[in-house]
Amino acid sequence: MSRFVFIYHAPMTPAEAAPPAPEEMEAVMGQWNAWAAKVGDGLVDFGTPLANGVRVSSDGGTAPSKREVAGYSIVEAENMEAALQLAKEHPHLKMPGGCEIEVHEAQQVPGM
């Protein structure tokens, strides 16, 4: 089994936007929890929402992240194809605004 990092991209919600109603949040989380149940023990880390990303350059400079990263999960799967299938079935892709998921295979660190 290999580990894969799912990186969730979503457009930023405008500051003036009304927060979702509790029943809307419950419905969305129900979809995420159903996906997590389907993945089962392969879900290593459900992850968490992320916000306010900052890039740090080699010269120590900082700048806002160029791409909105909304969150992550870590999944174990047989191979990239299996991980991609799990991503294609993820409820994040049904959210409004053109949400995307990047899937990256975690590599072994030499000597560790």
C-alpha atoms as a PDB file:
ATOM      1  CA  MET A   1       0.000   0.000   0.000  1.00  0.00           C
ATOM      2  CA  SER A   2       1.132   3.508  -0.772  1.00  0.00           C
ATOM      3  CA  ARG A   3       0.109   6.754   0.852  1.00  0.00           C
ATOM      4  CA  PHE A   4      -1.396   9.598  -1.122  1.00  0.00           C
ATOM      5  CA  VAL A   5      -1.985  13.188  -0.093  1.00  0.00           C
ATOM      6  CA  PHE A   6      -5.215  14.695  -1.352  1.00  0.00           C
ATOM      7  CA  ILE A   7      -4.948  18.482  -1.570  1.00  0.00           C
ATOM      8  CA  TYR A   8      -8.298  20.208  -1.838  1.00  0.00           C
ATOM      9  CA  HIS A   9      -8.532  23.447  -3.829  1.00  0.00           C
ATOM     10  CA  ALA A  10     -11.544  25.741  -3.625  1.00  0.00           C
ATOM     11  CA  PRO A  11     -12.188  29.392  -4.343  1.00  0.00           C
ATOM     12  CA  MET A  12     -12.042  31.666  -1.315  1.00  0.00           C
ATOM     13  CA  THR A  13     -15.390  32.554   0.163  1.00  0.00           C
ATOM     14  CA  PRO A  14     -15.798  36.332   0.139  1.00  0.00           C
ATOM     15  CA  ALA A  15     -15.582  37.848   3.621  1.00  0.00           C
ATOM     16  CA  GLU A  16     -19.021  39.400   3.179  1.00  0.00           C
ATOM     17  CA  ALA A  17     -20.645  36.056   2.319  1.00  0.00           C
ATOM     18  CA  ALA A  18     -23.130  34.694   4.810  1.00  0.00           C
ATOM     19  CA  PRO A  19     -21.960  31.528   6.566  1.00  0.00           C
ATOM     20  CA  PRO A  20     -23.784  28.359   5.545  1.00  0.00           C
ATOM     21  CA  ALA A  21     -26.848  27.422   7.526  1.00  0.00           C
ATOM     22  CA  PRO A  22     -26.331  24.649  10.099  1.00  0.00           C
ATOM     23  CA  GLU A  23     -28.445  22.222   8.067  1.00  0.00           C
ATOM     24  CA  GLU A  24     -26.309  22.944   4.965  1.00  0.00           C
ATOM     25  CA  MET A  25     -23.115  22.244   6.915  1.00  0.00           C
ATOM     26  CA  GLU A  26     -24.627  19.071   8.327  1.00  0.00           C
ATOM     27  CA  ALA A  27     -25.519  17.865   4.827  1.00  0.00           C
ATOM     28  CA  VAL A  28     -22.029  18.619   3.471  1.00  0.00           C
ATOM     29  CA  MET A  29     -20.314  16.926   6.419  1.00  0.00           C
ATOM     30  CA  GLY A  30     -22.643  13.959   5.978  1.00  0.00           C
ATOM     31  CA  GLN A  31     -21.327  13.546   2.426  1.00  0.00           C
ATOM     32  CA  TRP A  32     -17.714  13.821   3.613  1.00  0.00           C
ATOM     33  CA  ASN A  33     -18.331  11.304   6.410  1.00  0.00           C
ATOM     34  CA  ALA A  34     -19.979   8.880   3.970  1.00  0.00           C
ATOM     35  CA  TRP A  35     -16.919   9.141   1.705  1.00  0.00           C
ATOM     36  CA  ALA A  36     -14.634   8.576   4.727  1.00  0.00           C
ATOM     37  CA  ALA A  37     -16.646   5.481   5.708  1.00  0.00           C
ATOM     38  CA  LYS A  38     -16.281   4.122   2.168  1.00  0.00           C
ATOM     39  CA  VAL A  39     -12.487   4.617   2.296  1.00  0.00           C
ATOM     40  CA  GLY A  40     -12.471   2.909   5.711  1.00  0.00           C
ATOM     41  CA  ASP A  41      -9.099   2.024   7.216  1.00  0.00           C
ATOM     42  CA  GLY A  42      -7.402   3.481   4.143  1.00  0.00           C
ATOM     43  CA  LEU A  43      -8.149   6.954   5.471  1.00  0.00           C
ATOM     44  CA  VAL A  44      -4.936   7.628   7.395  1.00  0.00           C
ATOM     45  CA  ASP A  45      -5.737  11.263   8.223  1.00  0.00           C
ATOM     46  CA  PHE A  46      -9.143  12.837   7.506  1.00  0.00           C
ATOM     47  CA  GLY A  47      -7.350  16.191   7.456  1.00  0.00           C
ATOM     48  CA  THR A  48      -8.598  19.637   8.280  1.00  0.00           C
ATOM     49  CA  PRO A  49      -9.593  22.824   6.517  1.00  0.00           C
ATOM     50  CA  LEU A  50      -6.715  25.174   5.729  1.00  0.00           C
ATOM     51  CA  ALA A  51      -6.647  28.923   5.145  1.00  0.00           C
ATOM     52  CA  ASN A  52      -4.333  31.933   4.750  1.00  0.00           C
ATOM     53  CA  GLY A  53      -1.465  30.111   3.012  1.00  0.00           C
ATOM     54  CA  VAL A  54       1.858  31.918   2.752  1.00  0.00           C
ATOM     55  CA  ARG A  55       4.737  31.003   0.419  1.00  0.00           C
ATOM     56  CA  VAL A  56       8.266  31.276   1.817  1.00  0.00           C
ATOM     57  CA  SER A  57      11.032  31.684  -0.770  1.00  0.00           C
ATOM     58  CA  SER A  58      14.667  30.618  -0.515  1.00  0.00           C
ATOM     59  CA  ASP A  59      15.692  34.215   0.238  1.00  0.00           C
ATOM     60  CA  GLY A  60      13.316  34.313   3.226  1.00  0.00           C
ATOM     61  CA  GLY A  61      10.709  36.441   1.475  1.00  0.00           C
ATOM     62  CA  THR A  62       7.049  35.717   1.966  1.00  0.00           C
ATOM     63  CA  ALA A  63       3.970  36.257  -0.160  1.00  0.00           C
ATOM     64  CA  PRO A  64       0.375  35.037  -0.103  1.00  0.00           C
ATOM     65  CA  SER A  65      -0.099  31.598  -1.605  1.00  0.00           C
ATOM     66  CA  LYS A  66      -0.888  31.752  -5.322  1.00  0.00           C
ATOM     67  CA  ARG A  67      -3.466  28.986  -5.087  1.00  0.00           C
ATOM     68  CA  GLU A  68      -6.140  28.506  -2.477  1.00  0.00           C
ATOM     69  CA  VAL A  69      -5.595  25.264  -0.604  1.00  0.00           C
ATOM     70  CA  ALA A  70      -8.787  24.460   1.263  1.00  0.00           C
ATOM     71  CA  GLY A  71      -7.585  21.334   3.078  1.00  0.00           C
ATOM     72  CA  TYR A  72      -5.973  17.922   2.798  1.00  0.00           C
ATOM     73  CA  SER A  73      -6.435  14.230   3.570  1.00  0.00           C
ATOM     74  CA  ILE A  74      -3.984  11.329   3.602  1.00  0.00           C
ATOM     75  CA  VAL A  75      -5.182   8.057   2.096  1.00  0.00           C
ATOM     76  CA  GLU A  76      -3.640   4.610   1.667  1.00  0.00           C
ATOM     77  CA  ALA A  77      -4.384   2.886  -1.628  1.00  0.00           C
ATOM     78  CA  GLU A  78      -2.928   0.091  -3.744  1.00  0.00           C
ATOM     79  CA  ASN A  79      -1.700   2.477  -6.434  1.00  0.00           C
ATOM     80  CA  MET A  80      -2.263   5.873  -8.055  1.00  0.00           C
ATOM     81  CA  GLU A  81      -5.197   4.575 -10.088  1.00  0.00           C
ATOM     82  CA  ALA A  82      -7.001   3.437  -6.929  1.00  0.00           C
ATOM     83  CA  ALA A  83      -6.262   6.770  -5.221  1.00  0.00           C
ATOM     84  CA  LEU A  84      -7.562   8.685  -8.239  1.00  0.00           C
ATOM     85  CA  GLN A  85     -10.771   6.658  -8.194  1.00  0.00           C
ATOM     86  CA  LEU A  86     -11.313   7.636  -4.548  1.00  0.00           C
ATOM     87  CA  ALA A  87     -10.672  11.284  -5.454  1.00  0.00           C
ATOM     88  CA  LYS A  88     -13.141  11.154  -8.362  1.00  0.00           C
ATOM     89  CA  GLU A  89     -15.855  10.017  -5.933  1.00  0.00           C
ATOM     90  CA  HIS A  90     -15.072  12.711  -3.338  1.00  0.00           C
ATOM     91  CA  PRO A  91     -17.871  15.138  -2.397  1.00  0.00           C
ATOM     92  CA  HIS A  92     -15.427  18.083  -2.532  1.00  0.00           C
ATOM     93  CA  LEU A  93     -15.763  17.971  -6.314  1.00  0.00           C
ATOM     94  CA  LYS A  94     -19.506  18.650  -6.009  1.00  0.00           C
ATOM     95  CA  MET A  95     -18.998  21.920  -4.147  1.00  0.00           C
ATOM     96  CA  PRO A  96     -19.711  25.127  -6.097  1.00  0.00           C
ATOM     97  CA  GLY A  97     -17.025  27.281  -7.644  1.00  0.00           C
ATOM     98  CA  GLY A  98     -14.858  24.803  -9.533  1.00  0.00           C
ATOM     99  CA  CYS A  99     -13.319  22.812  -6.695  1.00  0.00           C
ATOM    100  CA  GLU A 100     -10.440  20.453  -7.505  1.00  0.00           C
ATOM    101  CA  ILE A 101      -8.384  17.757  -5.814  1.00  0.00           C
ATOM    102  CA  GLU A 102      -4.679  17.172  -6.410  1.00  0.00           C
ATOM    103  CA  VAL A 103      -3.424  13.680  -5.606  1.00  0.00           C
ATOM    104  CA  HIS A 104       0.258  13.241  -4.747  1.00  0.00           C
ATOM    105  CA  GLU A 105       1.995   9.973  -3.880  1.00  0.00           C
ATOM    106  CA  ALA A 106       4.018  10.226  -0.682  1.00  0.00           C
ATOM    107  CA  GLN A 107       7.600   9.129  -1.273  1.00  0.00           C
ATOM    108  CA  GLN A 108       9.997   7.451   1.132  1.00  0.00           C
ATOM    109  CA  VAL A 109      12.590   9.758   2.658  1.00  0.00           C
ATOM    110  CA  PRO A 110      16.043   8.269   1.917  1.00  0.00           C
ATOM    111  CA  GLY A 111      17.714   6.909   5.031  1.00  0.00           C
ATOM    112  CA  MET A 112      14.598   7.066   7.196  1.00  0.00           C
END
